[in-house]
Amino acid sequence: MNFLLTLTIGIVAGAVDVLPMIKMKIDKHSCISAFIYYLTIPFVIFGLDWFGNLWWLRGAVVTLLLAMPVIILVYKEDKKSPIAMSIMSIVLGSIIGIVGHLLNLM
């Protein structure tokens, strides 16, 4: 059951991230990459035991840290996108962490 809930959270987070990318006509490889990232990140967030009572911080930190390599690569070609990517990582990571905590997945 936890696997299916975690997978569902990942699917929803991936859709939330990718839908605006599709509307902006960003290439399909970038969309697929972002979707797979958010599909898998809840498994990492829920599998770690970082920050103790600061559970709400775990999702944002983990998601941003794991997105950093891609953010750095994107910065080479586009100076504005990394800001949006960082903000989206923090926001979606926080939401994933909060939902995971509320559903006792962490």
N, C-alpha and C. Protein backbone atom coordinates (compact mmCIF):
# COMPACT_ATOMS: atom_id res chain seq x y z
N MET A 1 0.82 -1.20 0.00
CA MET A 1 0.00 0.00 0.00
C MET A 1 0.86 1.26 0.00
N ASN A 2 1.93 1.27 0.82
CA ASN A 2 2.82 2.44 0.84
C ASN A 2 3.45 2.68 -0.52
N PHE A 3 3.79 1.59 -1.21
CA PHE A 3 4.39 1.73 -2.54
C PHE A 3 3.42 2.44 -3.49
N LEU A 4 2.17 2.02 -3.49
CA LEU A 4 1.18 2.62 -4.39
C LEU A 4 0.91 4.08 -4.04
N LEU A 5 0.85 4.40 -2.74
CA LEU A 5 0.66 5.79 -2.33
C LEU A 5 1.85 6.65 -2.76
N THR A 6 3.04 6.12 -2.54
CA THR A 6 4.25 6.86 -2.93
C THR A 6 4.29 7.06 -4.43
N LEU A 7 3.96 6.02 -5.18
CA LEU A 7 3.92 6.11 -6.63
C LEU A 7 2.88 7.14 -7.10
N THR A 8 1.73 7.14 -6.47
CA THR A 8 0.68 8.10 -6.81
C THR A 8 1.13 9.53 -6.54
N ILE A 9 1.78 9.74 -5.42
CA ILE A 9 2.30 11.08 -5.10
C ILE A 9 3.31 11.50 -6.17
N GLY A 10 4.16 10.57 -6.59
CA GLY A 10 5.13 10.87 -7.64
C GLY A 10 4.49 11.19 -8.97
N ILE A 11 3.45 10.45 -9.32
CA ILE A 11 2.74 10.72 -10.58
C ILE A 11 2.10 12.10 -10.56
N VAL A 12 1.45 12.44 -9.46
CA VAL A 12 0.81 13.75 -9.35
C VAL A 12 1.85 14.86 -9.39
N ALA A 13 2.95 14.71 -8.64
CA ALA A 13 4.00 15.72 -8.64
C ALA A 13 4.61 15.87 -10.03
N GLY A 14 4.83 14.74 -10.70
CA GLY A 14 5.37 14.80 -12.06
C GLY A 14 4.44 15.51 -13.02
N ALA A 15 3.15 15.24 -12.91
CA ALA A 15 2.17 15.91 -13.77
C ALA A 15 2.12 17.41 -13.50
N VAL A 16 2.18 17.78 -12.22
CA VAL A 16 2.15 19.20 -11.86
C VAL A 16 3.36 19.92 -12.46
N ASP A 17 4.52 19.27 -12.46
CA ASP A 17 5.71 19.89 -13.01
C ASP A 17 5.71 19.92 -14.53
N VAL A 18 5.23 18.85 -15.15
CA VAL A 18 5.35 18.71 -16.60
C VAL A 18 4.26 19.45 -17.38
N LEU A 19 3.06 19.57 -16.84
CA LEU A 19 1.98 20.24 -17.59
C LEU A 19 2.34 21.65 -18.05
N PRO A 20 2.92 22.50 -17.20
CA PRO A 20 3.33 23.81 -17.71
C PRO A 20 4.44 23.71 -18.76
N MET A 21 5.29 22.72 -18.64
CA MET A 21 6.37 22.53 -19.62
C MET A 21 5.78 22.17 -20.99
N ILE A 22 4.74 21.36 -20.99
CA ILE A 22 4.09 20.99 -22.24
C ILE A 22 3.43 22.21 -22.87
N LYS A 23 2.77 23.03 -22.04
CA LYS A 23 2.13 24.25 -22.55
C LYS A 23 3.15 25.21 -23.15
N MET A 24 4.38 25.23 -22.59
CA MET A 24 5.44 26.10 -23.10
C MET A 24 6.18 25.46 -24.27
N LYS A 25 5.72 24.27 -24.68
CA LYS A 25 6.29 23.54 -25.81
C LYS A 25 7.78 23.22 -25.62
N ILE A 26 8.13 22.85 -24.40
CA ILE A 26 9.49 22.41 -24.10
C ILE A 26 9.65 21.00 -24.67
N ASP A 27 10.85 20.67 -25.15
CA ASP A 27 11.04 19.40 -25.84
C ASP A 27 10.66 18.19 -24.97
N LYS A 28 10.27 17.13 -25.65
CA LYS A 28 9.72 15.97 -24.95
C LYS A 28 10.74 15.29 -24.04
N HIS A 29 12.02 15.33 -24.37
CA HIS A 29 13.02 14.70 -23.53
C HIS A 29 13.13 15.40 -22.18
N SER A 30 13.03 16.71 -22.19
CA SER A 30 13.05 17.46 -20.93
C SER A 30 11.80 17.15 -20.10
N CYS A 31 10.66 17.04 -20.76
CA CYS A 31 9.42 16.72 -20.05
C CYS A 31 9.47 15.32 -19.45
N ILE A 32 9.96 14.36 -20.22
CA ILE A 32 10.07 12.99 -19.72
C ILE A 32 11.05 12.93 -18.55
N SER A 33 12.17 13.62 -18.69
CA SER A 33 13.17 13.66 -17.61
C SER A 33 12.58 14.23 -16.32
N ALA A 34 11.87 15.34 -16.44
CA ALA A 34 11.26 15.97 -15.26
C ALA A 34 10.21 15.06 -14.64
N PHE A 35 9.41 14.41 -15.47
CA PHE A 35 8.38 13.53 -14.94
C PHE A 35 9.00 12.37 -14.18
N ILE A 36 10.02 11.75 -14.74
CA ILE A 36 10.67 10.62 -14.06
C ILE A 36 11.33 11.08 -12.77
N TYR A 37 11.90 12.27 -12.77
CA TYR A 37 12.51 12.81 -11.55
C TYR A 37 11.47 12.91 -10.43
N TYR A 38 10.33 13.54 -10.73
CA TYR A 38 9.30 13.69 -9.70
C TYR A 38 8.56 12.39 -9.40
N LEU A 39 8.58 11.46 -10.33
CA LEU A 39 7.99 10.15 -10.08
C LEU A 39 8.82 9.39 -9.03
N THR A 40 10.13 9.54 -9.07
CA THR A 40 11.01 8.78 -8.17
C THR A 40 11.37 9.52 -6.88
N ILE A 41 11.33 10.82 -6.87
CA ILE A 41 11.79 11.59 -5.71
C ILE A 41 11.02 11.28 -4.41
N PRO A 42 9.71 11.00 -4.44
CA PRO A 42 9.05 10.65 -3.18
C PRO A 42 9.64 9.41 -2.51
N PHE A 43 10.11 8.44 -3.29
CA PHE A 43 10.72 7.25 -2.71
C PHE A 43 11.99 7.62 -1.94
N VAL A 44 12.75 8.57 -2.47
CA VAL A 44 13.97 9.01 -1.80
C VAL A 44 13.61 9.80 -0.54
N ILE A 45 12.70 10.75 -0.67
CA ILE A 45 12.32 11.59 0.47
C ILE A 45 11.78 10.73 1.61
N PHE A 46 10.89 9.80 1.29
CA PHE A 46 10.27 8.98 2.33
C PHE A 46 11.24 7.95 2.90
N GLY A 47 12.29 7.64 2.15
CA GLY A 47 13.26 6.65 2.61
C GLY A 47 14.35 7.21 3.50
N LEU A 48 14.48 8.52 3.54
CA LEU A 48 15.51 9.15 4.37
C LEU A 48 14.96 9.55 5.72
N ASP A 49 15.84 9.61 6.68
CA ASP A 49 15.44 10.06 8.02
C ASP A 49 16.29 11.27 8.40
N TRP A 50 16.09 12.34 7.69
CA TRP A 50 16.84 13.58 7.91
C TRP A 50 16.00 14.57 8.70
N PHE A 51 16.62 15.40 9.45
CA PHE A 51 16.06 16.58 10.10
C PHE A 51 15.14 16.31 11.28
N GLY A 52 14.94 15.06 11.67
CA GLY A 52 14.16 14.75 12.87
C GLY A 52 12.80 15.44 12.91
N ASN A 53 12.62 16.35 13.87
CA ASN A 53 11.34 17.04 14.03
C ASN A 53 11.07 18.06 12.93
N LEU A 54 12.07 18.36 12.13
CA LEU A 54 11.89 19.29 11.01
C LEU A 54 11.52 18.51 9.74
N TRP A 55 10.58 17.57 9.87
CA TRP A 55 10.17 16.71 8.76
C TRP A 55 9.74 17.51 7.54
N TRP A 56 9.16 18.66 7.76
CA TRP A 56 8.64 19.49 6.67
C TRP A 56 9.77 20.04 5.79
N LEU A 57 10.98 20.07 6.31
CA LEU A 57 12.12 20.60 5.57
C LEU A 57 12.75 19.54 4.67
N ARG A 58 12.57 18.27 5.00
CA ARG A 58 13.21 17.19 4.28
C ARG A 58 12.90 17.20 2.78
N GLY A 59 11.65 17.32 2.42
CA GLY A 59 11.26 17.27 1.01
C GLY A 59 11.90 18.36 0.19
N ALA A 60 11.88 19.58 0.70
CA ALA A 60 12.46 20.71 -0.05
C ALA A 60 13.96 20.55 -0.22
N VAL A 61 14.65 20.17 0.84
CA VAL A 61 16.11 20.05 0.78
C VAL A 61 16.54 18.92 -0.14
N VAL A 62 15.94 17.75 0.03
CA VAL A 62 16.31 16.60 -0.79
C VAL A 62 16.02 16.86 -2.26
N THR A 63 14.86 17.40 -2.56
CA THR A 63 14.49 17.65 -3.95
C THR A 63 15.41 18.67 -4.59
N LEU A 64 15.73 19.74 -3.88
CA LEU A 64 16.64 20.75 -4.43
C LEU A 64 18.05 20.18 -4.60
N LEU A 65 18.54 19.46 -3.62
CA LEU A 65 19.89 18.88 -3.73
C LEU A 65 20.01 17.93 -4.92
N LEU A 66 19.02 17.08 -5.10
CA LEU A 66 19.09 16.13 -6.21
C LEU A 66 18.84 16.77 -7.57
N ALA A 67 18.23 17.94 -7.59
CA ALA A 67 18.01 18.65 -8.85
C ALA A 67 19.22 19.50 -9.26
N MET A 68 20.13 19.76 -8.32
CA MET A 68 21.26 20.65 -8.59
C MET A 68 22.08 20.30 -9.83
N PRO A 69 22.44 19.04 -10.07
CA PRO A 69 23.22 18.76 -11.29
C PRO A 69 22.52 19.20 -12.57
N VAL A 70 21.23 18.96 -12.66
CA VAL A 70 20.48 19.36 -13.86
C VAL A 70 20.34 20.88 -13.91
N ILE A 71 20.12 21.50 -12.78
CA ILE A 71 20.00 22.96 -12.74
C ILE A 71 21.29 23.60 -13.22
N ILE A 72 22.42 23.06 -12.81
CA ILE A 72 23.72 23.60 -13.25
C ILE A 72 23.90 23.42 -14.76
N LEU A 73 23.52 22.25 -15.29
CA LEU A 73 23.62 22.03 -16.73
C LEU A 73 22.73 22.99 -17.52
N VAL A 74 21.52 23.21 -17.03
CA VAL A 74 20.59 24.09 -17.72
C VAL A 74 21.10 25.53 -17.70
N TYR A 75 21.75 25.93 -16.62
CA TYR A 75 22.25 27.30 -16.48
C TYR A 75 23.22 27.67 -17.61
N LYS A 76 23.95 26.69 -18.10
CA LYS A 76 24.90 26.92 -19.19
C LYS A 76 24.20 27.48 -20.44
N GLU A 77 23.00 26.97 -20.72
CA GLU A 77 22.27 27.37 -21.93
C GLU A 77 21.22 28.45 -21.68
N ASP A 78 20.66 28.49 -20.48
CA ASP A 78 19.54 29.39 -20.19
C ASP A 78 19.69 29.92 -18.77
N LYS A 79 19.95 31.20 -18.66
CA LYS A 79 20.24 31.80 -17.35
C LYS A 79 18.99 31.99 -16.49
N LYS A 80 17.80 31.96 -17.06
CA LYS A 80 16.57 32.21 -16.30
C LYS A 80 15.90 30.93 -15.77
N SER A 81 15.98 29.86 -16.51
CA SER A 81 15.29 28.62 -16.13
C SER A 81 15.72 28.04 -14.79
N PRO A 82 16.99 28.12 -14.42
CA PRO A 82 17.38 27.54 -13.12
C PRO A 82 16.65 28.15 -11.93
N ILE A 83 16.26 29.40 -12.02
CA ILE A 83 15.50 30.03 -10.93
C ILE A 83 14.14 29.34 -10.81
N ALA A 84 13.46 29.18 -11.93
CA ALA A 84 12.15 28.52 -11.92
C ALA A 84 12.29 27.06 -11.49
N MET A 85 13.34 26.39 -11.94
CA MET A 85 13.55 24.99 -11.57
C MET A 85 13.80 24.86 -10.07
N SER A 86 14.57 25.77 -9.51
CA SER A 86 14.86 25.74 -8.07
C SER A 86 13.60 25.98 -7.26
N ILE A 87 12.83 26.97 -7.67
CA ILE A 87 11.58 27.28 -6.96
C ILE A 87 10.62 26.09 -7.02
N MET A 88 10.49 25.51 -8.21
CA MET A 88 9.59 24.36 -8.37
C MET A 88 10.08 23.18 -7.54
N SER A 89 11.39 22.97 -7.48
CA SER A 89 11.94 21.88 -6.66
C SER A 89 11.60 22.08 -5.19
N ILE A 90 11.78 23.29 -4.71
CA ILE A 90 11.50 23.59 -3.30
C ILE A 90 10.01 23.43 -2.99
N VAL A 91 9.17 23.99 -3.85
CA VAL A 91 7.72 23.95 -3.61
C VAL A 91 7.19 22.51 -3.70
N LEU A 92 7.50 21.83 -4.81
CA LEU A 92 6.98 20.46 -4.96
C LEU A 92 7.59 19.52 -3.93
N GLY A 93 8.87 19.71 -3.63
CA GLY A 93 9.51 18.88 -2.60
C GLY A 93 8.85 19.06 -1.25
N SER A 94 8.53 20.31 -0.91
CA SER A 94 7.85 20.58 0.35
C SER A 94 6.47 19.93 0.39
N ILE A 95 5.74 20.05 -0.70
CA ILE A 95 4.41 19.45 -0.77
C ILE A 95 4.50 17.92 -0.66
N ILE A 96 5.46 17.32 -1.35
CA ILE A 96 5.65 15.88 -1.26
C ILE A 96 5.94 15.48 0.19
N GLY A 97 6.82 16.23 0.84
CA GLY A 97 7.15 15.94 2.23
C GLY A 97 5.97 16.08 3.16
N ILE A 98 5.18 17.11 2.97
CA ILE A 98 4.00 17.34 3.82
C ILE A 98 2.97 16.22 3.61
N VAL A 99 2.71 15.89 2.35
CA VAL A 99 1.75 14.82 2.06
C VAL A 99 2.24 13.49 2.63
N GLY A 100 3.52 13.22 2.48
CA GLY A 100 4.09 11.99 3.03
C GLY A 100 3.96 11.93 4.53
N HIS A 101 4.17 13.05 5.18
CA HIS A 101 4.04 13.10 6.64
C HIS A 101 2.58 12.89 7.05
N LEU A 102 1.67 13.55 6.37
CA LEU A 102 0.25 13.43 6.71
C LEU A 102 -0.27 12.00 6.47
N LEU A 103 0.30 11.30 5.50
CA LEU A 103 -0.12 9.93 5.22
C LEU A 103 0.74 8.91 5.95
N ASN A 104 1.61 9.40 6.84
CA ASN A 104 2.50 8.54 7.63
C ASN A 104 3.40 7.66 6.75
N LEU A 105 3.89 8.22 5.66
CA LEU A 105 4.79 7.49 4.78
C LEU A 105 6.25 7.73 5.15
N MET A 106 6.48 8.72 6.02
CA MET A 106 7.86 9.05 6.41
C MET A 106 8.10 8.57 7.83
